[in-house]
All heavy atoms as atom14 arrays in JSON, in Angstrom:
{
  "sequence": "ENTDIKDFMNDSRKIVFSKTLESTDWNNSEII",
  "atom14_mask": [
    [1, 1, 1, 1, 1, 1, 1, 1, 1, 0, 0, 0, 0, 0],
    [1, 1, 1, 1, 1, 1, 1, 1, 0, 0, 0, 0, 0, 0],
    [1, 1, 1, 1, 1, 1, 1, 0, 0, 0, 0, 0, 0, 0],
    [1, 1, 1, 1, 1, 1, 1, 1, 0, 0, 0, 0, 0, 0],
    [1, 1, 1, 1, 1, 1, 1, 1, 0, 0, 0, 0, 0, 0],
    [1, 1, 1, 1, 1, 1, 1, 1, 1, 0, 0, 0, 0, 0],
    [1, 1, 1, 1, 1, 1, 1, 1, 0, 0, 0, 0, 0, 0],
    [1, 1, 1, 1, 1, 1, 1, 1, 1, 1, 1, 0, 0, 0],
    [1, 1, 1, 1, 1, 1, 1, 1, 0, 0, 0, 0, 0, 0],
    [1, 1, 1, 1, 1, 1, 1, 1, 0, 0, 0, 0, 0, 0],
    [1, 1, 1, 1, 1, 1, 1, 1, 0, 0, 0, 0, 0, 0],
    [1, 1, 1, 1, 1, 1, 0, 0, 0, 0, 0, 0, 0, 0],
    [1, 1, 1, 1, 1, 1, 1, 1, 1, 1, 1, 0, 0, 0],
    [1, 1, 1, 1, 1, 1, 1, 1, 1, 0, 0, 0, 0, 0],
    [1, 1, 1, 1, 1, 1, 1, 1, 0, 0, 0, 0, 0, 0],
    [1, 1, 1, 1, 1, 1, 1, 0, 0, 0, 0, 0, 0, 0],
    [1, 1, 1, 1, 1, 1, 1, 1, 1, 1, 1, 0, 0, 0],
    [1, 1, 1, 1, 1, 1, 0, 0, 0, 0, 0, 0, 0, 0],
    [1, 1, 1, 1, 1, 1, 1, 1, 1, 0, 0, 0, 0, 0],
    [1, 1, 1, 1, 1, 1, 1, 0, 0, 0, 0, 0, 0, 0],
    [1, 1, 1, 1, 1, 1, 1, 1, 0, 0, 0, 0, 0, 0],
    [1, 1, 1, 1, 1, 1, 1, 1, 1, 0, 0, 0, 0, 0],
    [1, 1, 1, 1, 1, 1, 0, 0, 0, 0, 0, 0, 0, 0],
    [1, 1, 1, 1, 1, 1, 1, 0, 0, 0, 0, 0, 0, 0],
    [1, 1, 1, 1, 1, 1, 1, 1, 0, 0, 0, 0, 0, 0],
    [1, 1, 1, 1, 1, 1, 1, 1, 1, 1, 1, 1, 1, 1],
    [1, 1, 1, 1, 1, 1, 1, 1, 0, 0, 0, 0, 0, 0],
    [1, 1, 1, 1, 1, 1, 1, 1, 0, 0, 0, 0, 0, 0],
    [1, 1, 1, 1, 1, 1, 0, 0, 0, 0, 0, 0, 0, 0],
    [1, 1, 1, 1, 1, 1, 1, 1, 1, 0, 0, 0, 0, 0],
    [1, 1, 1, 1, 1, 1, 1, 1, 0, 0, 0, 0, 0, 0],
    [1, 1, 1, 1, 1, 1, 1, 1, 0, 0, 0, 0, 0, 0]
  ],
  "atom14_positions": [
    [[50.94, -5.88, 201.17], [50.56, -7.29, 201.08], [49.98, -7.76, 202.41], [50.37, -7.3, 203.46], [51.78, -8.16, 200.74], [52.4, -7.86, 199.41], [51.48, -8.15, 198.25], [50.54, -8.98, 198.39], [51.69, -7.55, 197.19], [0.0, 0.0, 0.0], [0.0, 0.0, 0.0], [0.0, 0.0, 0.0], [0.0, 0.0, 0.0], [0.0, 0.0, 0.0]],
    [[49.09, -8.73, 202.31], [48.58, -9.35, 203.51], [49.74, -10.06, 204.2], [50.44, -10.86, 203.58], [47.47, -10.33, 203.15], [46.93, -11.02, 204.37], [47.56, -11.91, 204.9], [45.78, -10.55, 204.82], [0.0, 0.0, 0.0], [0.0, 0.0, 0.0], [0.0, 0.0, 0.0], [0.0, 0.0, 0.0], [0.0, 0.0, 0.0], [0.0, 0.0, 0.0]],
    [[49.95, -9.78, 205.46], [51.08, -10.36, 206.19], [51.02, -11.88, 206.22], [52.06, -12.53, 206.11], [51.12, -9.79, 207.63], [51.15, -8.36, 207.54], [52.35, -10.27, 208.37], [0.0, 0.0, 0.0], [0.0, 0.0, 0.0], [0.0, 0.0, 0.0], [0.0, 0.0, 0.0], [0.0, 0.0, 0.0], [0.0, 0.0, 0.0], [0.0, 0.0, 0.0]],
    [[49.82, -12.46, 206.35], [49.7, -13.92, 206.37], [50.22, -14.52, 205.07], [50.9, -15.56, 205.08], [48.24, -14.36, 206.57], [47.67, -13.95, 207.91], [48.46, -13.68, 208.83], [46.44, -13.92, 208.03], [0.0, 0.0, 0.0], [0.0, 0.0, 0.0], [0.0, 0.0, 0.0], [0.0, 0.0, 0.0], [0.0, 0.0, 0.0], [0.0, 0.0, 0.0]],
    [[49.89, -13.92, 203.95], [50.33, -14.44, 202.65], [51.84, -14.26, 202.51], [52.56, -15.18, 202.1], [49.56, -13.78, 201.49], [48.08, -14.19, 201.55], [50.18, -14.14, 200.14], [47.18, -13.51, 200.55], [0.0, 0.0, 0.0], [0.0, 0.0, 0.0], [0.0, 0.0, 0.0], [0.0, 0.0, 0.0], [0.0, 0.0, 0.0], [0.0, 0.0, 0.0]],
    [[52.33, -13.09, 202.87], [53.77, -12.83, 202.81], [54.52, -13.83, 203.69], [55.52, -14.42, 203.25], [54.07, -11.4, 203.25], [55.54, -11.05, 203.24], [55.78, -9.65, 203.73], [57.27, -9.39, 203.83], [57.58, -8.09, 204.39], [0.0, 0.0, 0.0], [0.0, 0.0, 0.0], [0.0, 0.0, 0.0], [0.0, 0.0, 0.0], [0.0, 0.0, 0.0]],
    [[54.05, -14.05, 204.9], [54.71, -15.0, 205.81], [54.68, -16.41, 205.24], [55.68, -17.13, 205.3], [54.05, -14.99, 207.19], [54.32, -13.7, 207.95], [55.21, -12.91, 207.53], [53.63, -13.47, 208.96], [0.0, 0.0, 0.0], [0.0, 0.0, 0.0], [0.0, 0.0, 0.0], [0.0, 0.0, 0.0], [0.0, 0.0, 0.0], [0.0, 0.0, 0.0]],
    [[53.54, -16.82, 204.67], [53.45, -18.16, 204.08], [54.48, -18.31, 202.96], [55.21, -19.31, 202.9], [52.04, -18.43, 203.54], [51.97, -19.71, 202.76], [51.87, -20.93, 203.41], [52.02, -19.71, 201.37], [51.83, -22.13, 202.69], [51.98, -20.88, 200.64], [51.88, -22.1, 201.31], [0.0, 0.0, 0.0], [0.0, 0.0, 0.0], [0.0, 0.0, 0.0]],
    [[54.53, -17.35, 202.07], [55.44, -17.45, 200.93], [56.9, -17.46, 201.39], [57.71, -18.22, 200.85], [55.2, -16.29, 199.96], [53.84, -16.3, 199.29], [53.48, -17.8, 198.36], [54.66, -17.65, 197.03], [0.0, 0.0, 0.0], [0.0, 0.0, 0.0], [0.0, 0.0, 0.0], [0.0, 0.0, 0.0], [0.0, 0.0, 0.0], [0.0, 0.0, 0.0]],
    [[57.24, -16.67, 202.38], [58.63, -16.59, 202.81], [59.04, -17.71, 203.76], [60.2, -18.12, 203.76], [58.9, -15.23, 203.45], [58.95, -14.13, 202.42], [59.54, -14.27, 201.37], [58.28, -13.02, 202.71], [0.0, 0.0, 0.0], [0.0, 0.0, 0.0], [0.0, 0.0, 0.0], [0.0, 0.0, 0.0], [0.0, 0.0, 0.0], [0.0, 0.0, 0.0]],
    [[58.11, -18.21, 204.57], [58.47, -19.19, 205.6], [58.32, -20.65, 205.16], [58.93, -21.54, 205.74], [57.63, -18.97, 206.86], [57.91, -17.62, 207.5], [58.95, -17.0, 207.2], [57.06, -17.17, 208.3], [0.0, 0.0, 0.0], [0.0, 0.0, 0.0], [0.0, 0.0, 0.0], [0.0, 0.0, 0.0], [0.0, 0.0, 0.0], [0.0, 0.0, 0.0]],
    [[57.51, -20.91, 204.15], [57.28, -22.3, 203.72], [58.54, -22.9, 203.11], [59.4, -22.2, 202.57], [56.17, -22.35, 202.67], [54.94, -21.98, 203.23], [0.0, 0.0, 0.0], [0.0, 0.0, 0.0], [0.0, 0.0, 0.0], [0.0, 0.0, 0.0], [0.0, 0.0, 0.0], [0.0, 0.0, 0.0], [0.0, 0.0, 0.0], [0.0, 0.0, 0.0]],
    [[58.6, -24.21, 203.14], [59.66, -24.94, 202.42], [59.38, -24.77, 200.93], [58.23, -24.91, 200.49], [59.62, -26.41, 202.82], [60.66, -27.24, 202.09], [60.58, -28.69, 202.49], [61.61, -29.45, 201.8], [61.51, -30.72, 201.51], [60.45, -31.42, 201.87], [62.49, -31.35, 200.87], [0.0, 0.0, 0.0], [0.0, 0.0, 0.0], [0.0, 0.0, 0.0]],
    [[60.43, -24.48, 200.17], [60.29, -24.28, 198.73], [61.24, -25.23, 198.01], [62.44, -25.24, 198.29], [60.59, -22.82, 198.37], [59.53, -21.86, 198.92], [59.96, -20.43, 198.86], [60.78, -19.97, 200.01], [60.16, -19.96, 201.33], [0.0, 0.0, 0.0], [0.0, 0.0, 0.0], [0.0, 0.0, 0.0], [0.0, 0.0, 0.0], [0.0, 0.0, 0.0]],
    [[60.68, -26.03, 197.11], [61.48, -26.95, 196.3], [61.4, -26.46, 194.87], [60.3, -26.29, 194.32], [60.97, -28.39, 196.43], [61.09, -28.84, 197.89], [61.73, -29.31, 195.48], [60.43, -30.16, 198.2], [0.0, 0.0, 0.0], [0.0, 0.0, 0.0], [0.0, 0.0, 0.0], [0.0, 0.0, 0.0], [0.0, 0.0, 0.0], [0.0, 0.0, 0.0]],
    [[62.55, -26.24, 194.26], [62.63, -25.71, 192.91], [63.18, -26.8, 191.99], [64.29, -27.29, 192.21], [63.57, -24.49, 192.85], [63.5, -23.85, 191.47], [63.27, -23.51, 193.94], [0.0, 0.0, 0.0], [0.0, 0.0, 0.0], [0.0, 0.0, 0.0], [0.0, 0.0, 0.0], [0.0, 0.0, 0.0], [0.0, 0.0, 0.0], [0.0, 0.0, 0.0]],
    [[62.4, -27.17, 190.98], [62.87, -28.11, 189.98], [63.47, -27.3, 188.84], [62.76, -26.6, 188.12], [61.72, -28.98, 189.47], [61.16, -29.87, 190.54], [59.95, -29.56, 191.14], [61.84, -31.01, 190.93], [59.43, -30.38, 192.13], [61.32, -31.83, 191.94], [60.12, -31.52, 192.53], [0.0, 0.0, 0.0], [0.0, 0.0, 0.0], [0.0, 0.0, 0.0]],
    [[64.79, -27.36, 188.73], [65.47, -26.57, 187.7], [66.8, -27.21, 187.34], [67.58, -27.56, 188.23], [65.71, -25.14, 188.2], [66.47, -24.41, 187.26], [0.0, 0.0, 0.0], [0.0, 0.0, 0.0], [0.0, 0.0, 0.0], [0.0, 0.0, 0.0], [0.0, 0.0, 0.0], [0.0, 0.0, 0.0], [0.0, 0.0, 0.0], [0.0, 0.0, 0.0]],
    [[67.04, -27.34, 186.05], [68.33, -27.87, 185.58], [69.36, -26.76, 185.45], [70.55, -27.03, 185.36], [68.14, -28.56, 184.23], [67.29, -29.8, 184.32], [67.07, -30.43, 182.97], [66.15, -31.64, 183.13], [65.81, -32.24, 181.85], [0.0, 0.0, 0.0], [0.0, 0.0, 0.0], [0.0, 0.0, 0.0], [0.0, 0.0, 0.0], [0.0, 0.0, 0.0]],
    [[68.91, -25.5, 185.44], [69.83, -24.4, 185.19], [70.12, -23.54, 186.42], [71.18, -22.94, 186.5], [69.29, -23.48, 184.07], [68.0, -22.99, 184.46], [69.18, -24.24, 182.76], [0.0, 0.0, 0.0], [0.0, 0.0, 0.0], [0.0, 0.0, 0.0], [0.0, 0.0, 0.0], [0.0, 0.0, 0.0], [0.0, 0.0, 0.0], [0.0, 0.0, 0.0]],
    [[69.2, -23.48, 187.35], [69.4, -22.66, 188.55], [70.5, -23.28, 189.41], [70.47, -24.48, 189.68], [68.09, -22.58, 189.34], [67.9, -21.45, 190.32], [68.0, -20.1, 189.63], [66.56, -21.58, 191.01], [0.0, 0.0, 0.0], [0.0, 0.0, 0.0], [0.0, 0.0, 0.0], [0.0, 0.0, 0.0], [0.0, 0.0, 0.0], [0.0, 0.0, 0.0]],
    [[71.47, -22.48, 189.8], [72.62, -22.99, 190.55], [72.52, -22.74, 192.06], [73.09, -23.46, 192.85], [73.91, -22.37, 190.01], [74.23, -22.79, 188.59], [74.47, -24.29, 188.43], [75.02, -24.91, 189.36], [74.08, -24.83, 187.37], [0.0, 0.0, 0.0], [0.0, 0.0, 0.0], [0.0, 0.0, 0.0], [0.0, 0.0, 0.0], [0.0, 0.0, 0.0]],
    [[71.83, -21.66, 192.44], [71.74, -21.34, 193.85], [70.42, -20.63, 194.15], [69.75, -20.16, 193.24], [72.92, -20.46, 194.28], [72.84, -19.21, 193.62], [0.0, 0.0, 0.0], [0.0, 0.0, 0.0], [0.0, 0.0, 0.0], [0.0, 0.0, 0.0], [0.0, 0.0, 0.0], [0.0, 0.0, 0.0], [0.0, 0.0, 0.0], [0.0, 0.0, 0.0]],
    [[70.09, -20.58, 195.42], [68.89, -19.9, 195.87], [69.25, -18.93, 196.99], [70.1, -19.22, 197.82], [67.84, -20.9, 196.42], [68.41, -21.59, 197.53], [67.42, -21.9, 195.36], [0.0, 0.0, 0.0], [0.0, 0.0, 0.0], [0.0, 0.0, 0.0], [0.0, 0.0, 0.0], [0.0, 0.0, 0.0], [0.0, 0.0, 0.0], [0.0, 0.0, 0.0]],
    [[68.6, -17.78, 196.97], [68.79, -16.8, 198.04], [67.57, -16.71, 198.95], [67.64, -16.16, 200.03], [69.06, -15.41, 197.44], [70.39, -15.35, 196.71], [71.3, -16.1, 197.09], [70.5, -14.56, 195.76], [0.0, 0.0, 0.0], [0.0, 0.0, 0.0], [0.0, 0.0, 0.0], [0.0, 0.0, 0.0], [0.0, 0.0, 0.0], [0.0, 0.0, 0.0]],
    [[66.45, -17.21, 198.49], [65.19, -17.14, 199.24], [65.22, -18.21, 200.32], [65.48, -19.38, 200.02], [64.05, -17.34, 198.27], [62.69, -16.93, 198.73], [62.36, -16.27, 199.87], [61.48, -17.17, 198.03], [61.0, -16.06, 199.93], [60.44, -16.61, 198.8], [61.16, -17.8, 196.84], [59.11, -16.68, 198.42], [59.84, -17.85, 196.45], [58.83, -17.3, 197.24]],
    [[64.95, -17.82, 201.56], [65.06, -18.77, 202.66], [64.17, -20.01, 202.46], [63.15, -19.96, 201.8], [64.74, -18.08, 204.01], [63.32, -17.58, 204.09], [62.81, -16.99, 203.16], [62.7, -17.8, 205.22], [0.0, 0.0, 0.0], [0.0, 0.0, 0.0], [0.0, 0.0, 0.0], [0.0, 0.0, 0.0], [0.0, 0.0, 0.0], [0.0, 0.0, 0.0]],
    [[64.61, -21.12, 203.05], [63.91, -22.41, 203.01], [63.74, -22.96, 201.6], [62.77, -23.65, 201.32], [62.54, -22.31, 203.7], [62.64, -21.87, 205.14], [63.56, -22.27, 205.85], [61.72, -21.03, 205.56], [0.0, 0.0, 0.0], [0.0, 0.0, 0.0], [0.0, 0.0, 0.0], [0.0, 0.0, 0.0], [0.0, 0.0, 0.0], [0.0, 0.0, 0.0]],
    [[64.67, -22.63, 200.7], [64.58, -23.09, 199.32], [65.68, -24.11, 199.03], [66.8, -23.98, 199.53], [64.76, -21.92, 198.35], [63.73, -20.98, 198.49], [0.0, 0.0, 0.0], [0.0, 0.0, 0.0], [0.0, 0.0, 0.0], [0.0, 0.0, 0.0], [0.0, 0.0, 0.0], [0.0, 0.0, 0.0], [0.0, 0.0, 0.0], [0.0, 0.0, 0.0]],
    [[65.33, -25.08, 198.21], [66.33, -26.05, 197.75], [66.07, -26.35, 196.28], [64.93, -26.3, 195.81], [66.31, -27.33, 198.58], [65.03, -28.13, 198.46], [65.0, -29.37, 199.32], [65.62, -30.39, 198.93], [64.37, -29.31, 200.39], [0.0, 0.0, 0.0], [0.0, 0.0, 0.0], [0.0, 0.0, 0.0], [0.0, 0.0, 0.0], [0.0, 0.0, 0.0]],
    [[67.13, -26.66, 195.58], [67.04, -26.98, 194.15], [67.15, -28.48, 193.96], [68.03, -29.12, 194.55], [68.17, -26.28, 193.36], [68.07, -24.76, 193.51], [68.14, -26.69, 191.89], [69.28, -24.01, 193.0], [0.0, 0.0, 0.0], [0.0, 0.0, 0.0], [0.0, 0.0, 0.0], [0.0, 0.0, 0.0], [0.0, 0.0, 0.0], [0.0, 0.0, 0.0]],
    [[66.28, -29.0, 193.14], [66.37, -30.4, 192.71], [66.44, -30.36, 191.19], [65.59, -29.76, 190.54], [65.15, -31.23, 193.2], [65.11, -31.24, 194.73], [65.21, -32.64, 192.63], [63.93, -31.98, 195.33], [0.0, 0.0, 0.0], [0.0, 0.0, 0.0], [0.0, 0.0, 0.0], [0.0, 0.0, 0.0], [0.0, 0.0, 0.0], [0.0, 0.0, 0.0]]
  ]
}
């Protein structure tokens, strides 16, 4: 993978809209 794309995906803030997901393991992720 292109390192820039991999870094963007892993380092960016991630907001997950989910009624069923209970936890996240991916860094910088939060569930709403």
